Amino acid sequence: MSVEQDVSVETDRDRISKGRERLEEEADRAVDQFDQGIVDLLSWVLDTETRARIYVYLRQHPHSTSEEIAEGTGLYPSTVRESLAELHDEEKVERRKRESEGAGNNPYEYTAIAPSELVGGVVGQIQDELNTVFNLDDHLDSESETRLETEPSEPVSIRVEDEERAESDDETTATGEEGETGDDGDE
């Protein structure tokens, strides 16, 4: 191999290495942007960005202690503990004592509920709020001269289905057989 070939091989390796580094940086940036988008959306559902960041962390790292969550999210430990207590009271995270060998402090470890459960919990609230808005005229003074006469509106109904259950329901409809689910079909 000549000196020119050695330089050429080395240059190709450098380019490949730099290309990999750029791809990794772009992938990290895309993940950060995706995570921030999820946090923004969950902030609306969970009331604050802090609680949303904790929820996302727990979905990625189930069975974490408050100390691990604080370290992983960069939040103050006292803020994490307070938010976890609220989320636990609202049944949005579950907690249990961490099992450990020997004597000593067994801290709580937390796990976030599934996103479908989280959404299911807020659907009723949203449904009620939408019904109030749609029926605003009923709540206002009915003798007002400026009130427009309209047809009574139907209540808003929001249905959330688990993807696996929806697929099994589609299969049941296609085969004409009813599956044994143990429920009466009411949502």
C-alpha atoms as a PDB file:
ATOM      1  CA  MET A   1       0.000   0.000   0.000  1.00  0.00           C
ATOM      2  CA  SER A   2       1.326   3.406  -0.884  1.00  0.00           C
ATOM      3  CA  VAL A   3       1.327   6.509   1.303  1.00  0.00           C
ATOM      4  CA  GLU A   4      -1.442   8.013  -0.814  1.00  0.00           C
ATOM      5  CA  GLN A   5      -3.653   4.940  -0.254  1.00  0.00           C
ATOM      6  CA  ASP A   6      -2.988   5.049   3.513  1.00  0.00           C
ATOM      7  CA  VAL A   7      -4.051   8.713   3.620  1.00  0.00           C
ATOM      8  CA  SER A   8      -7.143   7.927   1.525  1.00  0.00           C
ATOM      9  CA  VAL A   9      -8.210   5.051   3.814  1.00  0.00           C
ATOM     10  CA  GLU A  10      -7.628   7.204   6.883  1.00  0.00           C
ATOM     11  CA  THR A  11      -9.656  10.080   5.376  1.00  0.00           C
ATOM     12  CA  ASP A  12     -12.560   7.717   4.603  1.00  0.00           C
ATOM     13  CA  ARG A  13     -12.510   6.426   8.190  1.00  0.00           C
ATOM     14  CA  ASP A  14     -12.526   9.977   9.530  1.00  0.00           C
ATOM     15  CA  ARG A  15     -15.480  10.885   7.298  1.00  0.00           C
ATOM     16  CA  ILE A  16     -17.399   7.805   8.394  1.00  0.00           C
ATOM     17  CA  SER A  17     -16.632   8.524  12.041  1.00  0.00           C
ATOM     18  CA  LYS A  18     -17.720  12.159  11.705  1.00  0.00           C
ATOM     19  CA  GLY A  19     -20.863  11.068   9.860  1.00  0.00           C
ATOM     20  CA  ARG A  20     -21.756   8.672  12.690  1.00  0.00           C
ATOM     21  CA  GLU A  21     -21.202  11.400  15.265  1.00  0.00           C
ATOM     22  CA  ARG A  22     -23.516  13.766  13.355  1.00  0.00           C
ATOM     23  CA  LEU A  23     -26.186  11.073  13.047  1.00  0.00           C
ATOM     24  CA  GLU A  24     -25.986  10.366  16.777  1.00  0.00           C
ATOM     25  CA  GLU A  25     -26.255  14.082  17.572  1.00  0.00           C
ATOM     26  CA  GLU A  26     -29.277  14.453  15.270  1.00  0.00           C
ATOM     27  CA  ALA A  27     -30.902  11.362  16.779  1.00  0.00           C
ATOM     28  CA  ASP A  28     -30.359  12.754  20.294  1.00  0.00           C
ATOM     29  CA  ARG A  29     -31.838  16.106  19.247  1.00  0.00           C
ATOM     30  CA  ALA A  30     -34.868  14.390  17.647  1.00  0.00           C
ATOM     31  CA  VAL A  31     -35.469  12.372  20.834  1.00  0.00           C
ATOM     32  CA  ASP A  32     -35.173  15.527  22.961  1.00  0.00           C
ATOM     33  CA  GLN A  33     -37.671  17.359  20.728  1.00  0.00           C
ATOM     34  CA  PHE A  34     -40.049  14.371  20.787  1.00  0.00           C
ATOM     35  CA  ASP A  35     -39.775  14.102  24.574  1.00  0.00           C
ATOM     36  CA  GLN A  36     -40.445  17.842  24.937  1.00  0.00           C
ATOM     37  CA  GLY A  37     -43.513  17.546  22.684  1.00  0.00           C
ATOM     38  CA  ILE A  38     -44.827  14.711  24.848  1.00  0.00           C
ATOM     39  CA  VAL A  39     -44.115  16.713  28.008  1.00  0.00           C
ATOM     40  CA  ASP A  40     -46.004  19.700  26.563  1.00  0.00           C
ATOM     41  CA  LEU A  41     -49.031  17.536  25.775  1.00  0.00           C
ATOM     42  CA  LEU A  42     -48.945  15.783  29.137  1.00  0.00           C
ATOM     43  CA  SER A  43     -48.588  19.128  30.930  1.00  0.00           C
ATOM     44  CA  TRP A  44     -52.146  19.853  29.845  1.00  0.00           C
ATOM     45  CA  VAL A  45     -53.402  16.462  31.107  1.00  0.00           C
ATOM     46  CA  LEU A  46     -51.367  16.446  34.330  1.00  0.00           C
ATOM     47  CA  ASP A  47     -51.640  20.177  35.137  1.00  0.00           C
ATOM     48  CA  THR A  48     -47.916  21.047  35.259  1.00  0.00           C
ATOM     49  CA  GLU A  49     -44.714  20.456  33.312  1.00  0.00           C
ATOM     50  CA  THR A  50     -43.065  19.097  36.459  1.00  0.00           C
ATOM     51  CA  ARG A  51     -45.680  16.381  36.849  1.00  0.00           C
ATOM     52  CA  ALA A  52     -45.470  15.624  33.113  1.00  0.00           C
ATOM     53  CA  ARG A  53     -41.683  15.234  33.268  1.00  0.00           C
ATOM     54  CA  ILE A  54     -42.026  12.871  36.228  1.00  0.00           C
ATOM     55  CA  TYR A  55     -44.687  10.847  34.392  1.00  0.00           C
ATOM     56  CA  VAL A  56     -42.523  10.524  31.245  1.00  0.00           C
ATOM     57  CA  TYR A  57     -39.508   9.537  33.344  1.00  0.00           C
ATOM     58  CA  LEU A  58     -41.539   6.867  35.146  1.00  0.00           C
ATOM     59  CA  ARG A  59     -42.848   5.464  31.854  1.00  0.00           C
ATOM     60  CA  GLN A  60     -39.226   5.129  30.721  1.00  0.00           C
ATOM     61  CA  HIS A  61     -37.899   3.955  34.112  1.00  0.00           C
ATOM     62  CA  PRO A  62     -40.606   2.096  36.074  1.00  0.00           C
ATOM     63  CA  HIS A  63     -39.971   1.214  39.723  1.00  0.00           C
ATOM     64  CA  SER A  64     -37.849   4.328  40.370  1.00  0.00           C
ATOM     65  CA  THR A  65     -37.424   6.011  43.735  1.00  0.00           C
ATOM     66  CA  SER A  66     -38.011   9.728  44.240  1.00  0.00           C
ATOM     67  CA  GLU A  67     -34.244  10.179  44.489  1.00  0.00           C
ATOM     68  CA  GLU A  68     -33.692   8.422  41.143  1.00  0.00           C
ATOM     69  CA  ILE A  69     -36.453  10.511  39.546  1.00  0.00           C
ATOM     70  CA  ALA A  70     -34.944  13.757  40.845  1.00  0.00           C
ATOM     71  CA  GLU A  71     -31.531  12.775  39.486  1.00  0.00           C
ATOM     72  CA  GLY A  72     -32.962  11.641  36.135  1.00  0.00           C
ATOM     73  CA  THR A  73     -35.154  14.690  35.569  1.00  0.00           C
ATOM     74  CA  GLY A  74     -32.958  17.369  37.129  1.00  0.00           C
ATOM     75  CA  LEU A  75     -35.813  18.459  39.414  1.00  0.00           C
ATOM     76  CA  TYR A  76     -35.342  19.291  43.085  1.00  0.00           C
ATOM     77  CA  PRO A  77     -35.902  16.244  45.328  1.00  0.00           C
ATOM     78  CA  SER A  78     -38.502  18.090  47.426  1.00  0.00           C
ATOM     79  CA  THR A  79     -40.426  19.065  44.267  1.00  0.00           C
ATOM     80  CA  VAL A  80     -40.354  15.447  43.070  1.00  0.00           C
ATOM     81  CA  ARG A  81     -41.586  14.116  46.430  1.00  0.00           C
ATOM     82  CA  GLU A  82     -44.443  16.637  46.552  1.00  0.00           C
ATOM     83  CA  SER A  83     -45.497  15.918  42.957  1.00  0.00           C
ATOM     84  CA  LEU A  84     -45.285  12.151  43.495  1.00  0.00           C
ATOM     85  CA  ALA A  85     -47.534  12.423  46.553  1.00  0.00           C
ATOM     86  CA  GLU A  86     -50.126  14.332  44.497  1.00  0.00           C
ATOM     87  CA  LEU A  87     -49.874  11.947  41.536  1.00  0.00           C
ATOM     88  CA  HIS A  88     -50.237   8.971  43.889  1.00  0.00           C
ATOM     89  CA  ASP A  89     -53.288  10.516  45.600  1.00  0.00           C
ATOM     90  CA  GLU A  90     -54.821  11.036  42.137  1.00  0.00           C
ATOM     91  CA  GLU A  91     -53.969   7.404  41.246  1.00  0.00           C
ATOM     92  CA  LYS A  92     -51.777   8.447  38.304  1.00  0.00           C
ATOM     93  CA  VAL A  93     -48.735   6.680  39.735  1.00  0.00           C
ATOM     94  CA  GLU A  94     -48.519   3.537  41.824  1.00  0.00           C
ATOM     95  CA  ARG A  95     -46.057   3.014  44.609  1.00  0.00           C
ATOM     96  CA  ARG A  96     -44.706   0.131  46.629  1.00  0.00           C
ATOM     97  CA  LYS A  97     -41.885  -0.443  49.072  1.00  0.00           C
ATOM     98  CA  ARG A  98     -38.655  -1.473  47.380  1.00  0.00           C
ATOM     99  CA  GLU A  99     -37.533  -4.896  48.487  1.00  0.00           C
ATOM    100  CA  SER A 100     -33.932  -4.965  49.623  1.00  0.00           C
ATOM    101  CA  GLU A 101     -31.571  -7.357  51.328  1.00  0.00           C
ATOM    102  CA  GLY A 102     -30.780  -6.626  54.956  1.00  0.00           C
ATOM    103  CA  ALA A 103     -31.950  -3.999  57.376  1.00  0.00           C
ATOM    104  CA  GLY A 104     -32.337  -0.350  56.547  1.00  0.00           C
ATOM    105  CA  ASN A 105     -34.591   2.068  54.798  1.00  0.00           C
ATOM    106  CA  ASN A 106     -36.711   0.585  52.017  1.00  0.00           C
ATOM    107  CA  PRO A 107     -37.799   3.594  49.950  1.00  0.00           C
ATOM    108  CA  TYR A 108     -40.948   3.711  47.848  1.00  0.00           C
ATOM    109  CA  GLU A 109     -40.567   2.979  44.174  1.00  0.00           C
ATOM    110  CA  TYR A 110     -43.012   4.471  41.710  1.00  0.00           C
ATOM    111  CA  THR A 111     -44.511   3.379  38.397  1.00  0.00           C
ATOM    112  CA  ALA A 112     -46.736   5.527  36.168  1.00  0.00           C
ATOM    113  CA  ILE A 113     -50.092   4.163  35.027  1.00  0.00           C
ATOM    114  CA  ALA A 114     -50.530   3.305  31.355  1.00  0.00           C
ATOM    115  CA  PRO A 115     -51.235   6.252  29.025  1.00  0.00           C
ATOM    116  CA  SER A 116     -54.607   4.737  28.061  1.00  0.00           C
ATOM    117  CA  GLU A 117     -55.622   4.758  31.746  1.00  0.00           C
ATOM    118  CA  LEU A 118     -54.389   8.336  32.102  1.00  0.00           C
ATOM    119  CA  VAL A 119     -56.470   9.493  29.127  1.00  0.00           C
ATOM    120  CA  GLY A 120     -59.470   7.469  30.265  1.00  0.00           C
ATOM    121  CA  GLY A 121     -59.368   9.326  33.568  1.00  0.00           C
ATOM    122  CA  VAL A 122     -59.694  12.749  31.973  1.00  0.00           C
ATOM    123  CA  VAL A 123     -62.252  11.855  29.310  1.00  0.00           C
ATOM    124  CA  GLY A 124     -65.209  12.220  31.691  1.00  0.00           C
ATOM    125  CA  GLN A 125     -64.010  15.619  32.829  1.00  0.00           C
ATOM    126  CA  ILE A 126     -63.550  16.857  29.253  1.00  0.00           C
ATOM    127  CA  GLN A 127     -66.922  15.424  28.254  1.00  0.00           C
ATOM    128  CA  ASP A 128     -68.658  17.307  31.092  1.00  0.00           C
ATOM    129  CA  GLU A 129     -66.901  20.562  30.210  1.00  0.00           C
ATOM    130  CA  LEU A 130     -67.815  20.241  26.525  1.00  0.00           C
ATOM    131  CA  ASN A 131     -71.439  19.515  27.401  1.00  0.00           C
ATOM    132  CA  THR A 132     -71.529  22.642  29.564  1.00  0.00           C
ATOM    133  CA  VAL A 133     -70.208  24.746  26.669  1.00  0.00           C
ATOM    134  CA  PHE A 134     -72.591  23.195  24.130  1.00  0.00           C
ATOM    135  CA  ASN A 135     -75.533  23.769  26.443  1.00  0.00           C
ATOM    136  CA  LEU A 136     -74.490  27.247  27.513  1.00  0.00           C
ATOM    137  CA  ASP A 137     -77.770  28.736  26.344  1.00  0.00           C
ATOM    138  CA  ASP A 138     -79.636  26.474  28.774  1.00  0.00           C
ATOM    139  CA  HIS A 139     -77.550  27.893  31.604  1.00  0.00           C
ATOM    140  CA  LEU A 140     -78.110  31.505  30.573  1.00  0.00           C
ATOM    141  CA  ASP A 141     -81.284  33.490  31.196  1.00  0.00           C
ATOM    142  CA  SER A 142     -83.878  31.861  28.935  1.00  0.00           C
ATOM    143  CA  GLU A 143     -85.979  35.055  28.782  1.00  0.00           C
ATOM    144  CA  SER A 144     -83.226  37.137  27.235  1.00  0.00           C
ATOM    145  CA  GLU A 145     -84.346  38.920  24.074  1.00  0.00           C
ATOM    146  CA  THR A 146     -80.984  38.386  22.386  1.00  0.00           C
ATOM    147  CA  ARG A 147     -81.063  34.619  22.801  1.00  0.00           C
ATOM    148  CA  LEU A 148     -81.328  32.696  19.574  1.00  0.00           C
ATOM    149  CA  GLU A 149     -83.759  29.805  19.505  1.00  0.00           C
ATOM    150  CA  THR A 150     -81.875  26.635  18.636  1.00  0.00           C
ATOM    151  CA  GLU A 151     -82.481  22.939  18.683  1.00  0.00           C
ATOM    152  CA  PRO A 152     -81.449  21.289  21.935  1.00  0.00           C
ATOM    153  CA  SER A 153     -77.994  19.829  21.489  1.00  0.00           C
ATOM    154  CA  GLU A 154     -77.102  16.226  22.126  1.00  0.00           C
ATOM    155  CA  PRO A 155     -74.628  15.480  24.904  1.00  0.00           C
ATOM    156  CA  VAL A 156     -71.013  15.050  23.916  1.00  0.00           C
ATOM    157  CA  SER A 157     -69.729  11.510  24.180  1.00  0.00           C
ATOM    158  CA  ILE A 158     -66.043  10.632  23.979  1.00  0.00           C
ATOM    159  CA  ARG A 159     -64.976   7.008  23.654  1.00  0.00           C
ATOM    160  CA  VAL A 160     -61.444   5.791  24.361  1.00  0.00           C
ATOM    161  CA  GLU A 161     -60.522   2.279  23.295  1.00  0.00           C
ATOM    162  CA  ASP A 162     -57.432   0.249  23.909  1.00  0.00           C
ATOM    163  CA  GLU A 163     -55.944  -0.644  20.504  1.00  0.00           C
ATOM    164  CA  GLU A 164     -55.757  -4.366  21.366  1.00  0.00           C
ATOM    165  CA  ARG A 165     -59.385  -4.422  22.478  1.00  0.00           C
ATOM    166  CA  ALA A 166     -60.503  -2.514  19.361  1.00  0.00           C
ATOM    167  CA  GLU A 167     -58.702  -5.057  17.160  1.00  0.00           C
ATOM    168  CA  SER A 168     -60.333  -7.987  18.982  1.00  0.00           C
ATOM    169  CA  ASP A 169     -63.739  -6.271  18.649  1.00  0.00           C
ATOM    170  CA  ASP A 170     -63.118  -5.917  14.889  1.00  0.00           C
ATOM    171  CA  GLU A 171     -62.299  -9.625  14.668  1.00  0.00           C
ATOM    172  CA  THR A 172     -65.476 -10.492  16.610  1.00  0.00           C
ATOM    173  CA  THR A 173     -67.560  -8.392  14.220  1.00  0.00           C
ATOM    174  CA  ALA A 174     -65.915  -9.998  11.182  1.00  0.00           C
ATOM    175  CA  THR A 175     -66.444 -13.570  12.409  1.00  0.00           C
ATOM    176  CA  GLY A 176     -69.881 -12.924  13.846  1.00  0.00           C
ATOM    177  CA  GLU A 177     -68.858 -14.587  17.108  1.00  0.00           C
ATOM    178  CA  GLU A 178     -68.975 -12.849  20.421  1.00  0.00           C
ATOM    179  CA  GLY A 179     -65.888 -13.083  22.595  1.00  0.00           C
ATOM    180  CA  GLU A 180     -66.026 -13.744  26.312  1.00  0.00           C
ATOM    181  CA  THR A 181     -64.757 -10.535  27.885  1.00  0.00           C
ATOM    182  CA  GLY A 182     -66.469 -10.726  31.262  1.00  0.00           C
ATOM    183  CA  ASP A 183     -68.184  -7.362  30.867  1.00  0.00           C
ATOM    184  CA  ASP A 184     -71.519  -6.255  29.543  1.00  0.00           C
ATOM    185  CA  GLY A 185     -70.013  -4.035  26.836  1.00  0.00           C
ATOM    186  CA  ASP A 186     -70.642  -0.698  28.584  1.00  0.00           C
ATOM    187  CA  GLU A 187     -67.750   1.731  28.614  1.00  0.00           C
END
